[in-house]
C-alpha atoms as a PDB file:
ATOM      1  CA  UNK A   1      29.296  19.765  -5.426  1.00  0.00           C
ATOM      2  CA  UNK A   2      28.882  16.262  -4.001  1.00  0.00           C
ATOM      3  CA  UNK A   3      28.163  13.416  -6.389  1.00  0.00           C
ATOM      4  CA  UNK A   4      24.733  11.776  -5.999  1.00  0.00           C
ATOM      5  CA  UNK A   5      24.696   8.219  -4.709  1.00  0.00           C
ATOM      6  CA  UNK A   6      22.829   5.829  -7.014  1.00  0.00           C
ATOM      7  CA  UNK A   7      21.058   2.763  -5.658  1.00  0.00           C
ATOM      8  CA  UNK A   8      19.176   0.000  -7.431  1.00  0.00           C
ATOM      9  CA  UNK A   9      16.388  -0.187  -4.849  1.00  0.00           C
ATOM     10  CA  UNK A  10      15.341   0.945  -1.392  1.00  0.00           C
ATOM     11  CA  UNK A  11      13.336  -0.879   1.283  1.00  0.00           C
ATOM     12  CA  UNK A  12      11.168   1.552   3.246  1.00  0.00           C
ATOM     13  CA  UNK A  13       9.533   0.272   6.469  1.00  0.00           C
ATOM     14  CA  UNK A  14       5.905   1.265   6.996  1.00  0.00           C
ATOM     15  CA  UNK A  15       6.498   1.251  10.773  1.00  0.00           C
ATOM     16  CA  UNK A  16       8.669   4.289  11.486  1.00  0.00           C
ATOM     17  CA  UNK A  17       8.453   4.514  15.301  1.00  0.00           C
ATOM     18  CA  UNK A  18       6.556   3.209  18.337  1.00  0.00           C
ATOM     19  CA  UNK A  19       3.182   4.130  16.817  1.00  0.00           C
ATOM     20  CA  UNK A  20       1.136   1.990  14.473  1.00  0.00           C
ATOM     21  CA  UNK A  21       2.511   1.145  11.028  1.00  0.00           C
ATOM     22  CA  UNK A  22       1.353   3.231   8.083  1.00  0.00           C
ATOM     23  CA  UNK A  23      -1.027   1.648   5.588  1.00  0.00           C
ATOM     24  CA  UNK A  24       0.438   1.303   2.093  1.00  0.00           C
ATOM     25  CA  UNK A  25      -1.307   3.437  -0.540  1.00  0.00           C
ATOM     26  CA  UNK A  26       0.715   1.940  -3.406  1.00  0.00           C
ATOM     27  CA  UNK A  27       0.800  -1.494  -5.004  1.00  0.00           C
ATOM     28  CA  UNK A  28       3.435  -3.429  -6.940  1.00  0.00           C
ATOM     29  CA  UNK A  29       3.979  -1.917 -10.377  1.00  0.00           C
ATOM     30  CA  UNK A  30       3.031   1.632  -9.360  1.00  0.00           C
ATOM     31  CA  UNK A  31       5.406   4.391 -10.463  1.00  0.00           C
ATOM     32  CA  UNK A  32       6.471   6.791  -7.697  1.00  0.00           C
ATOM     33  CA  UNK A  33       8.518   9.971  -7.571  1.00  0.00           C
ATOM     34  CA  UNK A  34      10.782  11.019  -4.715  1.00  0.00           C
ATOM     35  CA  UNK A  35       8.536  12.540  -2.042  1.00  0.00           C
ATOM     36  CA  UNK A  36       5.327  10.759  -3.129  1.00  0.00           C
ATOM     37  CA  UNK A  37       3.165   9.408  -0.310  1.00  0.00           C
ATOM     38  CA  UNK A  38       3.463   5.610  -0.074  1.00  0.00           C
ATOM     39  CA  UNK A  39       2.062   5.028   3.432  1.00  0.00           C
ATOM     40  CA  UNK A  40      -0.794   6.803   5.217  1.00  0.00           C
ATOM     41  CA  UNK A  41      -1.533   6.992   8.950  1.00  0.00           C
ATOM     42  CA  UNK A  42      -4.456   4.706   9.853  1.00  0.00           C
ATOM     43  CA  UNK A  43      -7.637   6.488  10.954  1.00  0.00           C
ATOM     44  CA  UNK A  44      -7.480   7.363  14.675  1.00  0.00           C
ATOM     45  CA  UNK A  45      -3.946   5.938  14.834  1.00  0.00           C
ATOM     46  CA  UNK A  46      -0.746   7.539  16.007  1.00  0.00           C
ATOM     47  CA  UNK A  47       1.831   7.058  13.300  1.00  0.00           C
ATOM     48  CA  UNK A  48       3.883   8.687  10.582  1.00  0.00           C
ATOM     49  CA  UNK A  49       3.174   9.237   6.895  1.00  0.00           C
ATOM     50  CA  UNK A  50       5.793   7.501   4.738  1.00  0.00           C
ATOM     51  CA  UNK A  51       7.180   8.914   1.474  1.00  0.00           C
ATOM     52  CA  UNK A  52       9.278   7.518  -1.377  1.00  0.00           C
ATOM     53  CA  UNK A  53      12.961   8.390  -1.140  1.00  0.00           C
ATOM     54  CA  UNK A  54      13.710   7.768  -4.840  1.00  0.00           C
ATOM     55  CA  UNK A  55      11.941   7.792  -8.212  1.00  0.00           C
ATOM     56  CA  UNK A  56      11.075   4.262  -9.271  1.00  0.00           C
ATOM     57  CA  UNK A  57       8.661   1.361  -9.531  1.00  0.00           C
ATOM     58  CA  UNK A  58       7.105  -0.306  -6.498  1.00  0.00           C
ATOM     59  CA  UNK A  59       8.445  -3.863  -6.445  1.00  0.00           C
ATOM     60  CA  UNK A  60       6.661  -5.242  -3.397  1.00  0.00           C
ATOM     61  CA  UNK A  61       4.442  -4.151  -0.524  1.00  0.00           C
ATOM     62  CA  UNK A  62       4.297  -5.737   2.923  1.00  0.00           C
ATOM     63  CA  UNK A  63       5.745  -4.535   6.216  1.00  0.00           C
ATOM     64  CA  UNK A  64       8.173  -2.692   3.952  1.00  0.00           C
ATOM     65  CA  UNK A  65       7.721  -1.100   0.536  1.00  0.00           C
ATOM     66  CA  UNK A  66      10.469  -1.886  -1.971  1.00  0.00           C
ATOM     67  CA  UNK A  67      11.018   0.763  -4.633  1.00  0.00           C
ATOM     68  CA  UNK A  68      13.258  -0.162  -7.571  1.00  0.00           C
ATOM     69  CA  UNK A  69      15.009   2.753  -9.218  1.00  0.00           C
ATOM     70  CA  UNK A  70      14.146   3.548 -12.818  1.00  0.00           C
ATOM     71  CA  UNK A  71      16.923   2.748 -15.280  1.00  0.00           C
END
């Protein structure tokens, strides 16, 4: 079995492709679990929903969402 890679934080862009950027549905300090929705497609927009890739705490929200891994 492969060993899991541990990271201290991830930076997840809200713009995933040529469409419009997702709108953040989290704010700094929010707790998220891997797979939780962090960015929603704007109404009538062509885009992609964005999900957390790790469990952690949202550190900042802007064009990217920074999630800091729980200790």
